[in-house]
Protein backbone atom coordinates (compact mmCIF):
# COMPACT_ATOMS: atom_id res chain seq x y z
CA UNK A 1 0.00 0.00 0.00
CA UNK A 2 1.41 3.40 -0.93
CA UNK A 3 1.98 6.07 1.71
CA UNK A 4 -0.98 8.06 0.44
CA UNK A 5 -3.27 5.02 0.44
CA UNK A 6 -2.16 4.25 4.00
CA UNK A 7 -2.98 7.78 5.14
CA UNK A 8 -6.41 7.66 3.51
CA UNK A 9 -7.17 4.23 4.98
CA UNK A 10 -6.15 5.44 8.43
CA UNK A 11 -8.33 8.55 8.07
CA UNK A 12 -11.27 6.30 7.22
CA UNK A 13 -10.45 4.06 10.21
CA UNK A 14 -10.34 7.14 12.41
CA UNK A 15 -13.84 8.10 11.31
CA UNK A 16 -15.17 4.60 12.00
CA UNK A 17 -13.60 4.64 15.48
CA UNK A 18 -15.21 8.02 16.20
CA UNK A 19 -18.62 6.85 15.04
CA UNK A 20 -18.40 3.65 17.10
CA UNK A 21 -16.99 5.54 20.12
CA UNK A 22 -14.16 3.02 20.15
CA UNK A 23 -11.68 5.08 22.14
CA UNK A 24 -9.06 2.32 22.27
CA UNK A 25 -9.02 2.06 18.48
CA UNK A 26 -9.13 5.84 18.25
CA UNK A 27 -5.92 6.11 20.26
CA UNK A 28 -4.17 3.46 18.16
CA UNK A 29 -5.30 4.84 14.81
CA UNK A 30 -4.35 8.38 15.80
CA UNK A 31 -0.79 7.30 16.61
CA UNK A 32 -0.55 5.36 13.32
CA UNK A 33 -1.96 8.30 11.35
CA UNK A 34 0.51 10.75 12.90
CA UNK A 35 3.40 8.46 11.93
CA UNK A 36 2.05 7.95 8.41
CA UNK A 37 1.57 11.69 7.91
CA UNK A 38 5.13 12.36 9.07
CA UNK A 39 6.41 9.88 6.44
CA UNK A 40 4.18 11.21 3.66
CA UNK A 41 6.17 12.98 0.94
CA UNK A 42 5.01 16.50 0.03
CA UNK A 43 2.00 16.42 -2.29
CA UNK A 44 1.58 18.78 -5.17
CA UNK A 45 -1.47 17.15 -6.74
CA UNK A 46 -4.38 19.47 -6.00
CA UNK A 47 -6.98 16.66 -6.23
CA UNK A 48 -5.12 14.56 -3.66
CA UNK A 49 -4.78 17.50 -1.27
CA UNK A 50 -8.47 18.33 -1.63
CA UNK A 51 -9.47 14.71 -0.95
CA UNK A 52 -7.30 14.66 2.21
CA UNK A 53 -8.73 18.00 3.32
CA UNK A 54 -12.31 16.73 2.92
CA UNK A 55 -11.52 13.65 4.98
CA UNK A 56 -9.81 15.77 7.64
CA UNK A 57 -12.83 18.12 7.79
CA UNK A 58 -15.17 15.13 8.06
CA UNK A 59 -13.11 13.65 10.90
CA UNK A 60 -12.94 17.00 12.69
CA UNK A 61 -16.74 17.28 12.58
CA UNK A 62 -17.05 13.73 13.96
CA UNK A 63 -14.55 14.50 16.73
CA UNK A 64 -16.44 17.66 17.73
CA UNK A 65 -19.73 15.74 17.82
CA UNK A 66 -18.13 12.98 19.89
CA UNK A 67 -16.81 15.59 22.33
CA UNK A 68 -20.27 17.14 22.67
CA UNK A 69 -21.73 13.69 23.32
CA UNK A 70 -19.19 12.89 26.02
CA UNK A 71 -19.77 16.26 27.71
CA UNK A 72 -23.56 15.71 27.60
CA UNK A 73 -23.16 12.27 29.15
CA UNK A 74 -20.93 13.66 31.91
CA UNK A 75 -23.43 16.44 32.63
CA UNK A 76 -26.26 13.91 32.81
CA UNK A 77 -24.31 11.72 35.22
CA UNK A 78 -23.67 14.77 37.40
CA UNK A 79 -27.41 15.57 37.39
CA UNK A 80 -28.26 12.00 38.38
CA UNK A 81 -25.75 12.06 41.23
CA UNK A 82 -27.09 15.40 42.46
CA UNK A 83 -30.66 14.11 42.33
CA UNK A 84 -29.67 10.98 44.25
CA UNK A 85 -28.00 13.12 46.90
CA UNK A 86 -31.21 14.99 47.77
CA UNK A 87 -33.89 17.38 46.69
CA UNK A 88 -33.42 19.15 43.38
CA UNK A 89 -35.27 22.43 42.91
CA UNK A 90 -35.56 24.95 40.13
CA UNK A 91 -35.70 28.74 40.19
CA UNK A 92 -38.35 30.94 38.55
CA UNK A 93 -36.45 30.73 35.25
CA UNK A 94 -36.49 26.92 35.20
CA UNK A 95 -32.81 26.57 36.10
CA UNK A 96 -31.56 24.17 38.72
CA UNK A 97 -30.65 25.78 41.99
CA UNK A 98 -27.26 24.91 43.40
CA UNK A 99 -26.62 22.95 46.53
CA UNK A 100 -26.79 25.14 49.57
CA UNK A 101 -28.72 27.87 47.80
CA UNK A 102 -30.78 29.85 50.27
CA UNK A 103 -34.13 30.96 49.00
CA UNK A 104 -36.06 33.97 50.20
CA UNK A 105 -38.72 31.68 51.63
CA UNK A 106 -36.17 29.88 53.78
CA UNK A 107 -35.03 33.18 55.32
CA UNK A 108 -38.61 34.21 56.13
CA UNK A 109 -39.10 31.28 58.47
C-alpha atoms as a PDB file:
ATOM      1  CA  UNK A   1       0.000   0.000   0.000  1.00  0.00           C
ATOM      2  CA  UNK A   2       1.411   3.405  -0.925  1.00  0.00           C
ATOM      3  CA  UNK A   3       1.976   6.067   1.706  1.00  0.00           C
ATOM      4  CA  UNK A   4      -0.983   8.062   0.444  1.00  0.00           C
ATOM      5  CA  UNK A   5      -3.275   5.024   0.435  1.00  0.00           C
ATOM      6  CA  UNK A   6      -2.160   4.249   3.995  1.00  0.00           C
ATOM      7  CA  UNK A   7      -2.983   7.783   5.144  1.00  0.00           C
ATOM      8  CA  UNK A   8      -6.410   7.656   3.513  1.00  0.00           C
ATOM      9  CA  UNK A   9      -7.173   4.226   4.975  1.00  0.00           C
ATOM     10  CA  UNK A  10      -6.151   5.442   8.431  1.00  0.00           C
ATOM     11  CA  UNK A  11      -8.329   8.548   8.067  1.00  0.00           C
ATOM     12  CA  UNK A  12     -11.273   6.296   7.221  1.00  0.00           C
ATOM     13  CA  UNK A  13     -10.455   4.058  10.210  1.00  0.00           C
ATOM     14  CA  UNK A  14     -10.341   7.142  12.411  1.00  0.00           C
ATOM     15  CA  UNK A  15     -13.845   8.100  11.312  1.00  0.00           C
ATOM     16  CA  UNK A  16     -15.166   4.598  12.000  1.00  0.00           C
ATOM     17  CA  UNK A  17     -13.599   4.636  15.477  1.00  0.00           C
ATOM     18  CA  UNK A  18     -15.206   8.024  16.205  1.00  0.00           C
ATOM     19  CA  UNK A  19     -18.621   6.854  15.043  1.00  0.00           C
ATOM     20  CA  UNK A  20     -18.402   3.648  17.102  1.00  0.00           C
ATOM     21  CA  UNK A  21     -16.992   5.537  20.116  1.00  0.00           C
ATOM     22  CA  UNK A  22     -14.162   3.017  20.146  1.00  0.00           C
ATOM     23  CA  UNK A  23     -11.679   5.078  22.136  1.00  0.00           C
ATOM     24  CA  UNK A  24      -9.060   2.321  22.268  1.00  0.00           C
ATOM     25  CA  UNK A  25      -9.021   2.055  18.480  1.00  0.00           C
ATOM     26  CA  UNK A  26      -9.130   5.836  18.246  1.00  0.00           C
ATOM     27  CA  UNK A  27      -5.925   6.113  20.255  1.00  0.00           C
ATOM     28  CA  UNK A  28      -4.171   3.463  18.163  1.00  0.00           C
ATOM     29  CA  UNK A  29      -5.304   4.836  14.813  1.00  0.00           C
ATOM     30  CA  UNK A  30      -4.346   8.376  15.798  1.00  0.00           C
ATOM     31  CA  UNK A  31      -0.790   7.298  16.606  1.00  0.00           C
ATOM     32  CA  UNK A  32      -0.547   5.362  13.324  1.00  0.00           C
ATOM     33  CA  UNK A  33      -1.958   8.298  11.354  1.00  0.00           C
ATOM     34  CA  UNK A  34       0.509  10.745  12.895  1.00  0.00           C
ATOM     35  CA  UNK A  35       3.398   8.462  11.934  1.00  0.00           C
ATOM     36  CA  UNK A  36       2.047   7.945   8.410  1.00  0.00           C
ATOM     37  CA  UNK A  37       1.574  11.689   7.914  1.00  0.00           C
ATOM     38  CA  UNK A  38       5.131  12.356   9.065  1.00  0.00           C
ATOM     39  CA  UNK A  39       6.409   9.881   6.436  1.00  0.00           C
ATOM     40  CA  UNK A  40       4.182  11.210   3.657  1.00  0.00           C
ATOM     41  CA  UNK A  41       6.173  12.984   0.938  1.00  0.00           C
ATOM     42  CA  UNK A  42       5.010  16.503   0.033  1.00  0.00           C
ATOM     43  CA  UNK A  43       1.999  16.417  -2.288  1.00  0.00           C
ATOM     44  CA  UNK A  44       1.578  18.784  -5.171  1.00  0.00           C
ATOM     45  CA  UNK A  45      -1.466  17.148  -6.735  1.00  0.00           C
ATOM     46  CA  UNK A  46      -4.375  19.468  -5.997  1.00  0.00           C
ATOM     47  CA  UNK A  47      -6.980  16.665  -6.230  1.00  0.00           C
ATOM     48  CA  UNK A  48      -5.122  14.557  -3.660  1.00  0.00           C
ATOM     49  CA  UNK A  49      -4.775  17.498  -1.271  1.00  0.00           C
ATOM     50  CA  UNK A  50      -8.467  18.328  -1.635  1.00  0.00           C
ATOM     51  CA  UNK A  51      -9.470  14.715  -0.953  1.00  0.00           C
ATOM     52  CA  UNK A  52      -7.304  14.655   2.206  1.00  0.00           C
ATOM     53  CA  UNK A  53      -8.727  18.001   3.325  1.00  0.00           C
ATOM     54  CA  UNK A  54     -12.310  16.734   2.920  1.00  0.00           C
ATOM     55  CA  UNK A  55     -11.520  13.651   4.984  1.00  0.00           C
ATOM     56  CA  UNK A  56      -9.813  15.769   7.643  1.00  0.00           C
ATOM     57  CA  UNK A  57     -12.829  18.119   7.786  1.00  0.00           C
ATOM     58  CA  UNK A  58     -15.172  15.133   8.064  1.00  0.00           C
ATOM     59  CA  UNK A  59     -13.113  13.653  10.896  1.00  0.00           C
ATOM     60  CA  UNK A  60     -12.938  16.998  12.687  1.00  0.00           C
ATOM     61  CA  UNK A  61     -16.744  17.280  12.583  1.00  0.00           C
ATOM     62  CA  UNK A  62     -17.053  13.731  13.956  1.00  0.00           C
ATOM     63  CA  UNK A  63     -14.554  14.496  16.725  1.00  0.00           C
ATOM     64  CA  UNK A  64     -16.444  17.659  17.730  1.00  0.00           C
ATOM     65  CA  UNK A  65     -19.725  15.745  17.816  1.00  0.00           C
ATOM     66  CA  UNK A  66     -18.135  12.977  19.892  1.00  0.00           C
ATOM     67  CA  UNK A  67     -16.815  15.587  22.330  1.00  0.00           C
ATOM     68  CA  UNK A  68     -20.269  17.135  22.674  1.00  0.00           C
ATOM     69  CA  UNK A  69     -21.731  13.691  23.319  1.00  0.00           C
ATOM     70  CA  UNK A  70     -19.185  12.889  26.016  1.00  0.00           C
ATOM     71  CA  UNK A  71     -19.771  16.256  27.712  1.00  0.00           C
ATOM     72  CA  UNK A  72     -23.556  15.714  27.598  1.00  0.00           C
ATOM     73  CA  UNK A  73     -23.156  12.267  29.151  1.00  0.00           C
ATOM     74  CA  UNK A  74     -20.929  13.664  31.912  1.00  0.00           C
ATOM     75  CA  UNK A  75     -23.428  16.440  32.634  1.00  0.00           C
ATOM     76  CA  UNK A  76     -26.264  13.913  32.808  1.00  0.00           C
ATOM     77  CA  UNK A  77     -24.307  11.717  35.225  1.00  0.00           C
ATOM     78  CA  UNK A  78     -23.670  14.773  37.403  1.00  0.00           C
ATOM     79  CA  UNK A  79     -27.407  15.572  37.395  1.00  0.00           C
ATOM     80  CA  UNK A  80     -28.263  11.996  38.381  1.00  0.00           C
ATOM     81  CA  UNK A  81     -25.748  12.060  41.227  1.00  0.00           C
ATOM     82  CA  UNK A  82     -27.091  15.398  42.461  1.00  0.00           C
ATOM     83  CA  UNK A  83     -30.658  14.107  42.329  1.00  0.00           C
ATOM     84  CA  UNK A  84     -29.673  10.975  44.248  1.00  0.00           C
ATOM     85  CA  UNK A  85     -28.004  13.120  46.905  1.00  0.00           C
ATOM     86  CA  UNK A  86     -31.205  14.987  47.770  1.00  0.00           C
ATOM     87  CA  UNK A  87     -33.891  17.382  46.693  1.00  0.00           C
ATOM     88  CA  UNK A  88     -33.418  19.148  43.380  1.00  0.00           C
ATOM     89  CA  UNK A  89     -35.270  22.432  42.909  1.00  0.00           C
ATOM     90  CA  UNK A  90     -35.565  24.952  40.130  1.00  0.00           C
ATOM     91  CA  UNK A  91     -35.703  28.738  40.191  1.00  0.00           C
ATOM     92  CA  UNK A  92     -38.350  30.936  38.553  1.00  0.00           C
ATOM     93  CA  UNK A  93     -36.446  30.730  35.247  1.00  0.00           C
ATOM     94  CA  UNK A  94     -36.487  26.924  35.201  1.00  0.00           C
ATOM     95  CA  UNK A  95     -32.814  26.574  36.097  1.00  0.00           C
ATOM     96  CA  UNK A  96     -31.557  24.174  38.722  1.00  0.00           C
ATOM     97  CA  UNK A  97     -30.649  25.778  41.989  1.00  0.00           C
ATOM     98  CA  UNK A  98     -27.255  24.915  43.398  1.00  0.00           C
ATOM     99  CA  UNK A  99     -26.619  22.945  46.529  1.00  0.00           C
ATOM    100  CA  UNK A 100     -26.792  25.142  49.572  1.00  0.00           C
ATOM    101  CA  UNK A 101     -28.723  27.866  47.795  1.00  0.00           C
ATOM    102  CA  UNK A 102     -30.777  29.854  50.271  1.00  0.00           C
ATOM    103  CA  UNK A 103     -34.126  30.961  48.998  1.00  0.00           C
ATOM    104  CA  UNK A 104     -36.060  33.973  50.201  1.00  0.00           C
ATOM    105  CA  UNK A 105     -38.725  31.681  51.626  1.00  0.00           C
ATOM    106  CA  UNK A 106     -36.169  29.882  53.779  1.00  0.00           C
ATOM    107  CA  UNK A 107     -35.031  33.183  55.316  1.00  0.00           C
ATOM    108  CA  UNK A 108     -38.607  34.209  56.132  1.00  0.00           C
ATOM    109  CA  UNK A 109     -39.100  31.279  58.469  1.00  0.00           C
END
